[in-house]
Amino acid sequence: MSDPTTPQVPDVPQLPEVPQVPDVPQVPEVPPVAPPAAAYGAPATPYQSQPYAGAALKKSPILSILALIAGVIGVIGSPIAIIPFVGGFLGLLFPVAGIVLGFLGKKRETAAKGFWLTGIITGFIGVGLMIVSFVLWGLLFSLGSAYDYDNF
């Protein structure tokens, strides 16, 4: 069985003796320590609570902002009073809306004082301008009928 063409396999070497590992010393038992308190905003127990969601969103003072816009449009749109009587009625829409929304904002959104107060003030100015236009147009039409053009 020895074939001259097959290479010979060397014998497996023997491993040297492995020294004995010494015993590991035992660590003395330490009493358990309470975990540190959770930081502000952190969950009390990380495995049972929901993740921190952040601060609540502030509610936008929409009524107060609308009061401001309606009041300013009522004052700026007061030249519509040029149209006799109809302009006065149309010109009352935005100022009255500014007043109503301003008082609603005062009741519900106290933090937005600048917005609702400006809406109330400009709303009353717009209503005053429209009342003046009613009076002026009324006087103009009442005095205009007193003149008789046939007597010239």
Protein backbone atom coordinates (compact mmCIF):
# COMPACT_ATOMS: atom_id res chain seq x y z
CA MET A 1 0.00 0.00 0.00
CA SER A 2 2.69 2.32 -0.11
CA ASP A 3 2.57 3.99 -3.35
CA PRO A 4 5.63 5.99 -4.25
CA THR A 5 3.53 8.74 -5.87
CA THR A 6 1.51 9.59 -2.74
CA PRO A 7 3.16 11.92 -0.32
CA GLN A 8 3.57 10.80 3.21
CA VAL A 9 1.57 12.46 5.94
CA PRO A 10 3.59 13.40 8.96
CA ASP A 11 2.45 12.32 12.39
CA VAL A 12 0.28 14.65 14.44
CA PRO A 13 2.40 16.48 16.97
CA GLN A 14 1.61 16.08 20.62
CA LEU A 15 0.47 19.10 22.63
CA PRO A 16 2.51 20.06 25.62
CA GLU A 17 0.97 19.86 29.03
CA VAL A 18 -1.27 22.85 29.84
CA PRO A 19 -0.68 24.32 33.28
CA GLN A 20 -3.55 24.30 35.72
CA VAL A 21 -5.53 27.60 35.93
CA PRO A 22 -5.69 28.97 39.46
CA ASP A 23 -9.08 29.48 41.06
CA VAL A 24 -10.67 32.93 40.59
CA PRO A 25 -11.01 34.81 43.87
CA GLN A 26 -14.58 35.49 44.95
CA VAL A 27 -15.84 39.12 45.10
CA PRO A 28 -17.47 40.04 48.39
CA GLU A 29 -21.18 40.75 48.08
CA VAL A 30 -22.17 44.43 48.05
CA PRO A 31 -25.59 45.49 49.32
CA PRO A 32 -27.86 46.75 46.49
CA VAL A 33 -27.98 50.52 45.95
CA ALA A 34 -31.16 52.38 44.99
CA PRO A 35 -31.04 53.79 41.45
CA PRO A 36 -30.57 57.56 41.18
CA ALA A 37 -33.66 59.74 40.89
CA ALA A 38 -34.82 60.45 37.36
CA ALA A 39 -33.92 63.82 35.88
CA TYR A 40 -36.60 66.45 35.32
CA GLY A 41 -38.75 65.44 32.36
CA ALA A 42 -37.27 61.96 32.14
CA PRO A 43 -39.51 58.94 32.55
CA ALA A 44 -39.55 57.51 36.07
CA THR A 45 -39.08 53.93 34.90
CA PRO A 46 -37.74 53.70 31.37
CA TYR A 47 -39.36 50.35 30.63
CA GLN A 48 -42.94 51.23 31.52
CA SER A 49 -43.54 54.85 30.54
CA GLN A 50 -44.05 56.63 27.27
CA PRO A 51 -41.20 58.67 25.75
CA TYR A 52 -41.02 62.35 26.64
CA ALA A 53 -43.24 64.27 24.24
CA GLY A 54 -42.04 67.81 24.97
CA ALA A 55 -43.96 70.90 26.05
CA ALA A 56 -47.59 71.38 25.07
CA LEU A 57 -48.23 73.65 22.10
CA LYS A 58 -49.53 77.11 22.86
CA LYS A 59 -52.96 77.92 21.53
CA SER A 60 -52.93 80.63 18.90
CA PRO A 61 -54.95 83.77 19.81
CA ILE A 62 -57.02 83.60 16.62
CA LEU A 63 -60.02 85.62 17.89
CA SER A 64 -57.78 88.50 18.97
CA ILE A 65 -55.89 88.50 15.68
CA LEU A 66 -59.15 88.51 13.70
CA ALA A 67 -60.43 91.39 15.87
CA LEU A 68 -57.32 93.39 15.06
CA ILE A 69 -57.62 92.71 11.32
CA ALA A 70 -61.36 93.49 11.20
CA GLY A 71 -60.93 96.71 13.17
CA VAL A 72 -58.09 97.96 10.98
CA ILE A 73 -59.99 97.09 7.79
CA GLY A 74 -63.02 98.93 9.21
CA VAL A 75 -60.99 102.11 9.72
CA ILE A 76 -59.10 101.87 6.43
CA GLY A 77 -62.31 100.99 4.57
CA SER A 78 -64.19 104.00 5.93
CA PRO A 79 -64.02 105.88 2.59
CA ILE A 80 -66.78 103.51 1.40
CA ALA A 81 -69.05 105.96 3.22
CA ILE A 82 -68.93 108.09 0.06
CA ILE A 83 -71.75 105.92 -1.24
CA PRO A 84 -74.91 107.38 0.33
CA PHE A 85 -76.37 105.22 3.14
CA VAL A 86 -75.43 101.89 1.50
CA GLY A 87 -71.77 102.64 2.08
CA GLY A 88 -72.52 103.34 5.72
CA PHE A 89 -74.20 99.97 6.18
CA LEU A 90 -71.43 98.12 4.34
CA GLY A 91 -68.85 100.04 6.31
CA LEU A 92 -70.35 98.82 9.58
CA LEU A 93 -69.62 95.14 8.89
CA PHE A 94 -65.91 95.07 9.65
CA PRO A 95 -65.85 97.50 12.60
CA VAL A 96 -68.70 95.65 14.34
CA ALA A 97 -66.91 92.34 13.70
CA GLY A 98 -63.76 93.86 15.21
CA ILE A 99 -65.66 94.91 18.33
CA VAL A 100 -67.41 91.56 18.80
CA LEU A 101 -64.26 89.51 18.16
CA GLY A 102 -62.30 91.86 20.42
CA PHE A 103 -64.61 91.26 23.36
CA LEU A 104 -64.62 87.51 22.70
CA GLY A 105 -60.82 87.60 22.63
CA LYS A 106 -60.78 89.58 25.88
CA LYS A 107 -62.85 86.87 27.55
CA ARG A 108 -61.04 83.82 26.13
CA GLU A 109 -57.51 84.96 25.25
CA THR A 110 -56.36 87.29 28.02
CA ALA A 111 -52.68 86.91 27.10
CA ALA A 112 -53.17 88.57 23.68
CA LYS A 113 -54.22 91.91 25.17
CA GLY A 114 -52.57 94.02 22.47
CA PHE A 115 -54.47 92.32 19.67
CA TRP A 116 -57.97 92.38 21.13
CA LEU A 117 -57.60 95.87 22.60
CA THR A 118 -56.51 97.27 19.23
CA GLY A 119 -59.42 95.46 17.57
CA ILE A 120 -61.91 96.97 20.02
CA ILE A 121 -60.49 100.51 19.70
CA THR A 122 -60.28 100.50 15.89
CA GLY A 123 -63.72 98.89 15.72
CA PHE A 124 -65.28 101.72 17.74
CA ILE A 125 -63.44 104.29 15.60
CA GLY A 126 -64.84 102.62 12.45
CA VAL A 127 -68.37 102.58 13.86
CA GLY A 128 -68.01 106.25 14.81
CA LEU A 129 -66.90 107.15 11.28
CA MET A 130 -69.89 105.32 9.80
CA ILE A 131 -72.33 107.06 12.17
CA VAL A 132 -70.82 110.41 11.16
CA SER A 133 -71.33 109.46 7.51
CA PHE A 134 -75.03 108.62 8.21
CA VAL A 135 -75.52 112.00 9.88
CA LEU A 136 -73.74 113.94 7.14
CA TRP A 137 -75.66 112.20 4.33
CA GLY A 138 -78.92 112.69 6.23
CA LEU A 139 -78.22 116.42 6.65
CA LEU A 140 -77.20 116.76 3.01
CA PHE A 141 -80.36 115.13 1.73
CA SER A 142 -82.65 116.99 4.15
CA LEU A 143 -81.13 120.38 3.38
CA GLY A 144 -81.00 119.63 -0.33
CA SER A 145 -84.77 119.23 -0.50
CA ALA A 146 -85.29 122.63 1.18
CA TYR A 147 -83.95 124.49 -1.81
CA ASP A 148 -86.35 125.23 -4.60
CA TYR A 149 -84.59 125.54 -7.90
CA ASP A 150 -87.57 127.10 -9.63
CA ASN A 151 -87.23 130.41 -7.79
CA PHE A 152 -83.90 131.44 -9.30
